[in-house]
Amino acid sequence: MRKHRETAVYTHGHHESVLRSHTWRTAANSAAYLLGALEPHMRILDIGCGPGTITADLAELVPDGHVTGVDLAEGILEQARATADARGLTNVDFAVADVHALDHPDDTFCVVHAHQVLQHVGDPVRALREMRRVTRPGGYVAVRDVDYAAMTWYPQVPGLDDWLDLYRRVARAAGGEPDAGRRLRSWALAAGFTDITATSGSWTYATDAEREWWSGLWADRTLASPYAEYAVAGGHATEEQLRAIARAWREWGKRHDGWFAVLHGEILCRKEA
């Protein structure tokens, strides 16, 4: 068995405010760039599966195939299994794994997928090499990651600039890269891929309900998640500064003219046959 290695800290953790976002994710809103490449018989590895909502969608899209969802955090896999069980899926399983050192033979999967993973790992090029290794010739590695520096919003409520600056500093101190989206193609080239389709996608929050949801989860995450603990313990912010940022989020959420866009980089890499 390969030795697992964790080289970065997952700053978000699995606080309820984080899972509010994670359980909202679907294959349609988070992996649309991949769906056209899927075929019913495919075997898929879903890395960083979290609570399993995207994993379950992928399993439904490959009814004659199989999906394995893996995550470094063993505790979240119980929720992922419950998600699959509630949907009556029998072609999916879950396991603990580290993307830097996957416990699978070479050329195992038709598709290896990772959503919002590489921004949190210590060595994204090594991770992509591992993903490539376990992909069959002619198969695909599909990766989508946010780019925090490219996030944009209106109106410019005082405090949200402070939030973005703080988050990027905390994420980098933990060993990650919050602006991963723009780097995906470069990382894939360094990992040995030559057939790379690079695209982008976005989430937009503009309705009253969307603003309330998005601002509320970030206000709560700023005060109560592991990210908040890392921010204070690392000397990046005081508790009062975190409270001010949370207030700014809630103020923005009440603005009827509010709009927030989250940009993602995407790569669909085909392994040479």
Protein backbone atom coordinates (compact mmCIF):
# COMPACT_ATOMS: atom_id res chain seq x y z
CA MET A 1 0.00 0.00 0.00
CA ARG A 2 1.25 3.46 -0.87
CA LYS A 3 2.06 5.76 1.99
CA HIS A 4 -0.40 8.64 2.29
CA ARG A 5 1.03 12.12 2.48
CA GLU A 6 -0.84 15.27 3.42
CA THR A 7 1.11 18.39 2.50
CA ALA A 8 -1.57 21.04 2.97
CA VAL A 9 -4.31 21.75 5.50
CA TYR A 10 -7.93 21.72 4.33
CA THR A 11 -8.83 25.15 5.66
CA HIS A 12 -12.60 24.85 5.27
CA GLY A 13 -13.17 21.64 7.21
CA HIS A 14 -16.69 20.20 7.24
CA HIS A 15 -18.52 22.69 9.41
CA GLU A 16 -22.26 22.95 8.69
CA SER A 17 -21.72 26.28 6.91
CA VAL A 18 -19.27 24.56 4.55
CA LEU A 19 -21.56 21.60 3.88
CA ARG A 20 -24.36 24.02 3.03
CA SER A 21 -22.32 24.83 -0.06
CA HIS A 22 -20.97 21.35 -0.75
CA THR A 23 -24.36 19.62 -0.68
CA TRP A 24 -25.71 22.18 -3.17
CA ARG A 25 -23.24 21.04 -5.80
CA THR A 26 -24.42 18.80 -8.64
CA ALA A 27 -22.87 17.40 -11.78
CA ALA A 28 -24.91 19.94 -13.74
CA ASN A 29 -23.73 23.04 -11.86
CA SER A 30 -20.20 21.85 -11.10
CA ALA A 31 -19.08 19.41 -13.83
CA ALA A 32 -20.95 20.42 -16.98
CA TYR A 33 -17.68 20.59 -18.97
CA LEU A 34 -17.19 16.85 -18.37
CA LEU A 35 -20.67 15.47 -19.01
CA GLY A 36 -20.41 15.29 -22.81
CA ALA A 37 -17.48 12.86 -22.49
CA LEU A 38 -19.33 10.36 -20.28
CA GLU A 39 -20.58 7.00 -21.55
CA PRO A 40 -22.89 4.58 -19.68
CA HIS A 41 -20.23 1.90 -19.12
CA MET A 42 -17.50 4.10 -17.67
CA ARG A 43 -15.61 3.53 -14.44
CA ILE A 44 -15.03 6.84 -12.62
CA LEU A 45 -12.90 7.94 -9.68
CA ASP A 46 -14.28 11.05 -7.94
CA ILE A 47 -11.51 12.60 -5.82
CA GLY A 48 -12.41 14.83 -2.88
CA CYS A 49 -16.01 13.65 -3.05
CA GLY A 50 -17.10 15.29 0.22
CA PRO A 51 -20.80 14.62 0.96
CA GLY A 52 -21.18 12.81 -2.35
CA THR A 53 -23.76 14.85 -4.27
CA ILE A 54 -21.66 15.10 -7.45
CA THR A 55 -20.54 11.49 -7.01
CA ALA A 56 -24.14 10.29 -6.89
CA ASP A 57 -25.00 12.30 -10.03
CA LEU A 58 -22.06 10.75 -11.87
CA ALA A 59 -23.20 7.27 -10.81
CA GLU A 60 -26.64 7.95 -12.29
CA LEU A 61 -25.00 9.04 -15.56
CA VAL A 62 -23.01 5.77 -15.90
CA PRO A 63 -25.69 3.16 -15.06
CA ASP A 64 -23.65 0.33 -16.60
CA GLY A 65 -20.41 1.53 -15.01
CA HIS A 66 -19.17 2.28 -11.52
CA VAL A 67 -18.10 5.32 -9.51
CA THR A 68 -15.68 5.32 -6.57
CA GLY A 69 -15.76 8.43 -4.40
CA VAL A 70 -12.70 9.12 -2.26
CA ASP A 71 -11.86 11.75 0.31
CA LEU A 72 -9.00 12.32 2.73
CA ALA A 73 -11.48 13.03 5.57
CA GLU A 74 -12.96 9.70 6.65
CA GLY A 75 -15.81 11.31 8.61
CA ILE A 76 -17.49 12.90 5.58
CA LEU A 77 -17.75 9.55 3.80
CA GLU A 78 -20.60 8.46 6.06
CA GLN A 79 -22.67 11.32 4.67
CA ALA A 80 -21.60 10.45 1.13
CA ARG A 81 -22.76 6.86 1.59
CA ALA A 82 -26.08 8.11 2.97
CA THR A 83 -26.49 10.34 -0.09
CA ALA A 84 -26.00 7.37 -2.43
CA ASP A 85 -28.23 5.08 -0.35
CA ALA A 86 -31.06 7.63 -0.33
CA ARG A 87 -30.99 7.64 -4.13
CA GLY A 88 -30.94 3.85 -4.36
CA LEU A 89 -27.59 3.70 -6.13
CA THR A 90 -25.79 0.36 -6.26
CA ASN A 91 -22.94 1.26 -8.63
CA VAL A 92 -21.00 3.49 -6.23
CA ASP A 93 -18.61 2.96 -3.33
CA PHE A 94 -16.50 5.23 -1.11
CA ALA A 95 -13.05 5.05 0.48
CA VAL A 96 -10.37 7.15 2.16
CA ALA A 97 -7.59 8.26 -0.19
CA ASP A 98 -4.88 10.88 -0.65
CA VAL A 99 -4.65 12.28 -4.17
CA HIS A 100 -0.86 12.50 -3.86
CA ALA A 101 -0.65 8.69 -3.52
CA LEU A 102 -3.69 6.80 -4.81
CA ASP A 103 -4.20 3.15 -3.85
CA HIS A 104 -5.15 2.00 -7.36
CA PRO A 105 -3.20 0.24 -10.10
CA ASP A 106 -2.14 2.02 -13.26
CA ASP A 107 -4.78 2.42 -16.00
CA THR A 108 -7.79 1.67 -13.77
CA PHE A 109 -10.40 4.34 -14.51
CA CYS A 110 -12.04 5.77 -17.61
CA VAL A 111 -12.44 9.15 -15.89
CA VAL A 112 -10.72 10.68 -12.86
CA HIS A 113 -12.60 13.75 -11.62
CA ALA A 114 -11.72 16.34 -8.97
CA HIS A 115 -13.86 19.34 -8.09
CA GLN A 116 -12.37 22.05 -5.84
CA VAL A 117 -9.47 19.81 -4.81
CA LEU A 118 -6.19 21.06 -6.28
CA GLN A 119 -6.51 24.44 -4.58
CA HIS A 120 -6.16 22.61 -1.27
CA VAL A 121 -3.26 20.22 -1.97
CA GLY A 122 0.39 20.80 -1.33
CA ASP A 123 1.65 19.49 -4.68
CA PRO A 124 -0.96 19.85 -7.45
CA VAL A 125 1.40 18.66 -10.18
CA ARG A 126 2.13 15.46 -8.28
CA ALA A 127 -1.60 15.05 -7.71
CA LEU A 128 -2.27 15.37 -11.45
CA ARG A 129 0.46 12.85 -12.21
CA GLU A 130 -1.25 10.39 -9.87
CA MET A 131 -4.61 11.08 -11.48
CA ARG A 132 -3.03 10.49 -14.89
CA ARG A 133 -1.37 7.27 -13.71
CA VAL A 134 -4.65 5.63 -12.67
CA THR A 135 -6.49 6.76 -15.85
CA ARG A 136 -6.77 4.33 -18.73
CA PRO A 137 -5.20 5.24 -22.08
CA GLY A 138 -7.78 7.28 -23.96
CA GLY A 139 -9.51 8.21 -20.71
CA TYR A 140 -9.98 11.60 -19.11
CA VAL A 141 -8.75 13.58 -16.13
CA ALA A 142 -11.28 16.32 -15.34
CA VAL A 143 -10.50 19.08 -12.86
CA ARG A 144 -12.38 22.23 -11.86
CA ASP A 145 -11.14 24.77 -9.32
CA VAL A 146 -12.18 28.22 -8.21
CA ASP A 147 -10.05 31.31 -8.71
CA TYR A 148 -10.56 33.56 -5.69
CA ALA A 149 -8.75 36.57 -7.15
CA ALA A 150 -11.20 36.50 -10.07
CA MET A 151 -14.30 36.64 -7.86
CA THR A 152 -16.25 39.85 -8.33
CA TRP A 153 -19.29 41.42 -6.74
CA TYR A 154 -21.50 44.47 -6.54
CA PRO A 155 -21.97 46.69 -4.63
CA GLN A 156 -18.55 47.21 -3.07
CA VAL A 157 -19.63 46.77 0.53
CA PRO A 158 -16.74 47.72 2.84
CA GLY A 159 -15.33 44.56 4.38
CA LEU A 160 -15.61 42.12 1.49
CA ASP A 161 -12.24 43.21 0.11
CA ASP A 162 -10.88 42.44 3.59
CA TRP A 163 -12.53 39.01 3.40
CA LEU A 164 -10.90 38.18 0.07
CA ASP A 165 -7.48 39.35 1.19
CA LEU A 166 -7.75 37.39 4.43
CA TYR A 167 -8.98 34.19 2.81
CA ARG A 168 -6.15 34.16 0.26
CA ARG A 169 -3.55 34.71 2.99
CA VAL A 170 -4.97 31.95 5.21
CA ALA A 171 -5.23 29.48 2.32
CA ARG A 172 -1.63 30.06 1.24
CA ALA A 173 -0.36 29.80 4.81
CA ALA A 174 -2.06 26.39 4.96
CA GLY A 175 -0.13 25.25 1.89
CA GLY A 176 -2.83 25.69 -0.75
CA GLU A 177 -3.33 27.95 -3.77
CA PRO A 178 -6.63 29.88 -3.69
CA ASP A 179 -6.17 31.14 -7.27
CA ALA A 180 -5.89 27.61 -8.64
CA GLY A 181 -8.35 28.05 -11.50
CA ARG A 182 -5.96 30.05 -13.69
CA ARG A 183 -3.11 27.61 -13.03
CA LEU A 184 -4.81 24.34 -13.99
CA ARG A 185 -3.58 24.19 -17.58
CA SER A 186 -0.02 25.03 -16.52
CA TRP A 187 -0.10 22.34 -13.83
CA ALA A 188 -1.48 19.80 -16.32
CA LEU A 189 1.32 20.53 -18.78
CA ALA A 190 3.88 20.07 -16.00
CA ALA A 191 2.22 16.75 -15.12
CA GLY A 192 2.79 15.43 -18.65
CA PHE A 193 -0.55 15.99 -20.36
CA THR A 194 -0.52 17.13 -23.98
CA ASP A 195 -4.21 16.86 -24.95
CA ILE A 196 -5.81 19.54 -22.73
CA THR A 197 -9.08 21.38 -23.23
CA ALA A 198 -9.14 24.41 -20.91
CA THR A 199 -12.42 26.18 -20.25
CA SER A 200 -14.08 28.20 -17.51
CA GLY A 201 -17.40 28.21 -15.71
CA SER A 202 -19.09 30.34 -13.11
CA TRP A 203 -21.64 30.42 -10.34
CA THR A 204 -23.71 33.59 -9.99
CA TYR A 205 -25.73 34.65 -6.94
CA ALA A 206 -28.16 37.50 -7.62
CA THR A 207 -31.69 36.69 -6.44
CA ASP A 208 -32.82 37.51 -2.91
CA ALA A 209 -32.71 33.81 -1.96
CA GLU A 210 -29.28 33.26 -3.56
CA ARG A 211 -27.77 36.30 -1.83
CA GLU A 212 -29.19 35.27 1.53
CA TRP A 213 -27.81 31.75 1.13
CA TRP A 214 -24.35 32.73 -0.15
CA SER A 215 -23.79 35.60 2.28
CA GLY A 216 -25.13 33.59 5.21
CA LEU A 217 -22.87 30.59 4.69
CA TRP A 218 -19.79 32.82 4.33
CA ALA A 219 -20.71 34.90 7.38
CA ASP A 220 -21.09 31.71 9.42
CA ARG A 221 -17.93 30.19 7.93
CA THR A 222 -15.98 33.33 8.85
CA LEU A 223 -16.99 32.99 12.50
CA ALA A 224 -17.34 29.29 13.23
CA SER A 225 -15.49 27.03 10.77
CA PRO A 226 -11.90 25.71 10.94
CA TYR A 227 -11.02 28.54 8.52
CA ALA A 228 -11.87 31.03 11.29
CA GLU A 229 -9.70 29.10 13.74
CA TYR A 230 -6.75 29.07 11.33
CA ALA A 231 -7.16 32.79 10.67
CA VAL A 232 -6.88 33.66 14.37
CA ALA A 233 -4.33 31.03 15.38
CA GLY A 234 -2.07 32.00 12.48
CA GLY A 235 -2.14 35.67 13.38
CA HIS A 236 -3.92 36.63 10.15
CA ALA A 237 -6.95 38.24 11.84
CA THR A 238 -8.42 39.01 15.23
CA GLU A 239 -11.83 37.80 16.32
CA GLU A 240 -13.13 41.37 16.03
CA GLN A 241 -11.88 41.56 12.45
CA LEU A 242 -13.68 38.30 11.68
CA ARG A 243 -16.89 39.68 13.18
CA ALA A 244 -16.55 42.80 11.01
CA ILE A 245 -16.14 40.63 7.89
CA ALA A 246 -19.19 38.56 8.85
CA ARG A 247 -21.23 41.76 9.25
CA ALA A 248 -20.08 42.89 5.81
CA TRP A 249 -21.28 39.62 4.30
CA ARG A 250 -24.71 40.00 5.91
CA GLU A 251 -24.94 43.63 4.81
CA TRP A 252 -24.18 42.64 1.20
CA GLY A 253 -26.74 39.84 1.41
CA LYS A 254 -29.50 42.37 2.18
CA ARG A 255 -28.77 44.52 -0.86
CA HIS A 256 -31.47 44.03 -3.49
CA ASP A 257 -29.03 45.14 -6.19
CA GLY A 258 -26.39 42.67 -5.00
CA TRP A 259 -24.61 40.37 -7.45
CA PHE A 260 -21.72 37.94 -6.89
CA ALA A 261 -19.85 35.84 -9.48
CA VAL A 262 -17.47 32.96 -8.78
CA LEU A 263 -15.14 32.06 -11.66
CA HIS A 264 -13.71 28.56 -12.08
CA GLY A 265 -10.97 27.18 -14.29
CA GLU A 266 -11.64 23.79 -15.87
CA ILE A 267 -9.44 21.29 -17.67
CA LEU A 268 -10.42 18.11 -19.50
CA CYS A 269 -7.23 16.17 -20.19
CA ARG A 270 -7.18 13.08 -22.38
CA LYS A 271 -4.51 10.49 -21.65
CA GLU A 272 -2.69 9.33 -24.75
CA ALA A 273 -3.94 5.99 -26.06
